[in-house]
Amino acid sequence: TNPFCRICQDQARDKSIVCVVEQPNDVAAIEKTGVFHGRYHVLLGSLSPLDGIGPDNLTIGQLIERIKSGEVKEIIIATNCNAEGEITALYLSRLIKPSGVKITRIARGIPVGSTLEYADQATLGKAMEGRRGV
């Protein structure tokens, strides 16, 4: 069987940009936005040392093989914004960095349409840290 889903089989998609997510439903969530036109890599989980889930339990090896193919120019790490997601993102960035491929992380912050006074401290803090020029 082909390891690629119908999205990644679509030749119109940019194969040089790969968005790394934890689960297939994360692909669906990003697809609903209509803004990403690259391909995906589903890890099938996240690193969780306390639960005994290490790199060999995920599809990290296959991701590295995709990078080694030479087609990938950017990896977007779109793991969850929880402890396991952050650990996984850090692990991946350190693993991928020597390849020279550009590594980015999805932004986090204030939801569209919300007010600052109701934002939790962690979200507001991440929004301040992730600010960008206008």
Protein backbone atom coordinates (compact mmCIF):
# COMPACT_ATOMS: atom_id res chain seq x y z
CA THR A 1 0.00 0.00 0.00
CA ASN A 2 1.06 3.59 -0.57
CA PRO A 3 2.21 5.27 2.65
CA PHE A 4 0.89 8.65 1.48
CA CYS A 5 -2.68 9.82 1.98
CA ARG A 6 -4.67 11.39 -0.85
CA ILE A 7 -3.55 14.87 0.27
CA CYS A 8 0.12 14.02 -0.12
CA GLN A 9 -0.54 12.19 -3.40
CA ASP A 10 -1.93 15.44 -4.85
CA GLN A 11 0.79 16.61 -7.26
CA ALA A 12 -0.46 20.22 -7.01
CA ARG A 13 0.69 20.40 -3.37
CA ASP A 14 4.11 21.80 -2.49
CA LYS A 15 6.26 18.77 -1.66
CA SER A 16 9.08 21.00 -0.37
CA ILE A 17 7.09 21.96 2.76
CA VAL A 18 6.07 19.27 5.25
CA CYS A 19 3.82 19.98 8.23
CA VAL A 20 4.45 17.54 11.07
CA VAL A 21 1.40 16.74 13.20
CA GLU A 22 0.65 14.24 15.95
CA GLN A 23 -2.57 12.64 14.67
CA PRO A 24 -4.60 12.35 11.44
CA ASN A 25 -7.34 14.58 12.89
CA ASP A 26 -4.72 17.36 13.13
CA VAL A 27 -4.36 17.17 9.33
CA ALA A 28 -8.12 17.63 8.99
CA ALA A 29 -8.05 20.66 11.31
CA ILE A 30 -5.28 22.36 9.31
CA GLU A 31 -6.93 21.48 5.99
CA LYS A 32 -10.14 23.23 7.11
CA THR A 33 -8.20 26.53 7.24
CA GLY A 34 -7.44 26.36 3.53
CA VAL A 35 -4.10 28.13 4.01
CA PHE A 36 -1.57 25.27 3.90
CA HIS A 37 -0.73 23.77 0.52
CA GLY A 38 2.19 21.53 1.39
CA ARG A 39 2.30 17.94 2.53
CA TYR A 40 1.94 16.35 5.95
CA HIS A 41 3.75 13.87 8.15
CA VAL A 42 1.70 12.25 10.91
CA LEU A 43 3.75 11.09 13.91
CA LEU A 44 0.92 8.94 15.32
CA GLY A 45 1.49 10.37 18.79
CA SER A 46 3.95 12.46 20.77
CA LEU A 47 6.93 11.74 22.96
CA SER A 48 5.87 10.90 26.50
CA PRO A 49 8.67 9.45 28.63
CA LEU A 50 6.32 8.94 31.59
CA ASP A 51 4.09 6.77 29.41
CA GLY A 52 7.02 4.93 27.84
CA ILE A 53 6.53 6.52 24.42
CA GLY A 54 9.87 7.24 22.80
CA PRO A 55 11.06 8.12 19.28
CA ASP A 56 10.88 4.49 18.14
CA ASN A 57 7.15 4.42 18.93
CA LEU A 58 6.46 7.25 16.47
CA THR A 59 7.04 7.70 12.73
CA ILE A 60 10.12 9.87 13.27
CA GLY A 61 12.36 7.50 11.27
CA GLN A 62 10.12 7.88 8.23
CA LEU A 63 10.21 11.67 8.62
CA ILE A 64 14.02 11.63 8.60
CA GLU A 65 13.95 9.48 5.44
CA ARG A 66 11.68 12.05 3.76
CA ILE A 67 14.13 14.80 4.69
CA LYS A 68 17.08 12.77 3.37
CA SER A 69 15.32 12.47 0.00
CA GLY A 70 16.33 16.09 -0.65
CA GLU A 71 12.85 17.28 -1.66
CA VAL A 72 11.99 18.82 1.70
CA LYS A 73 13.10 22.43 2.24
CA GLU A 74 10.98 23.31 5.29
CA ILE A 75 9.51 21.40 8.20
CA ILE A 76 6.62 23.04 10.05
CA ILE A 77 6.28 21.50 13.50
CA ALA A 78 2.59 21.59 14.42
CA THR A 79 2.52 19.45 17.54
CA ASN A 80 0.13 20.25 20.37
CA CYS A 81 0.84 23.07 22.81
CA ASN A 82 1.13 20.78 25.83
CA ALA A 83 4.14 19.25 27.59
CA GLU A 84 4.34 16.23 25.27
CA GLY A 85 3.90 18.36 22.16
CA GLU A 86 6.61 20.77 23.27
CA ILE A 87 9.02 17.92 24.09
CA THR A 88 8.33 16.37 20.70
CA ALA A 89 8.87 19.70 18.92
CA LEU A 90 12.18 20.26 20.72
CA TYR A 91 13.35 16.71 19.97
CA LEU A 92 12.43 17.05 16.28
CA SER A 93 14.09 20.44 15.91
CA ARG A 94 17.34 19.14 17.41
CA LEU A 95 17.21 16.02 15.25
CA ILE A 96 16.45 17.88 12.00
CA LYS A 97 18.71 20.93 12.49
CA PRO A 98 21.94 19.27 11.22
CA SER A 99 20.21 18.55 7.88
CA GLY A 100 20.05 22.27 7.08
CA VAL A 101 16.31 22.10 6.40
CA LYS A 102 14.41 25.18 7.59
CA ILE A 103 12.45 24.40 10.77
CA THR A 104 9.47 26.45 11.89
CA ARG A 105 6.89 26.02 14.65
CA ILE A 106 3.25 27.02 14.40
CA ALA A 107 2.42 30.23 16.24
CA ARG A 108 0.43 30.24 19.46
CA GLY A 109 -1.53 33.02 21.01
CA ILE A 110 -4.80 34.84 21.39
CA PRO A 111 -7.75 33.32 19.49
CA VAL A 112 -9.31 35.52 16.80
CA GLY A 113 -12.30 37.44 18.15
CA SER A 114 -11.33 37.19 21.82
CA THR A 115 -10.39 39.92 24.29
CA LEU A 116 -7.12 40.15 26.20
CA GLU A 117 -8.68 40.38 29.64
CA TYR A 118 -10.08 36.84 29.30
CA ALA A 119 -6.90 35.22 27.97
CA ASP A 120 -5.08 32.91 30.37
CA GLN A 121 -1.56 33.91 31.44
CA ALA A 122 0.21 31.17 29.48
CA THR A 123 -1.58 32.02 26.23
CA LEU A 124 -1.05 35.74 26.65
CA GLY A 125 2.62 35.15 27.51
CA LYS A 126 3.14 33.03 24.38
CA ALA A 127 1.40 35.68 22.30
CA MET A 128 3.78 38.33 23.64
CA GLU A 129 6.83 36.12 23.04
CA GLY A 130 5.67 35.29 19.51
CA ARG A 131 4.98 38.86 18.44
CA ARG A 132 6.10 39.94 14.98
CA GLY A 133 6.70 43.11 13.06
CA VAL A 134 3.92 44.93 11.27
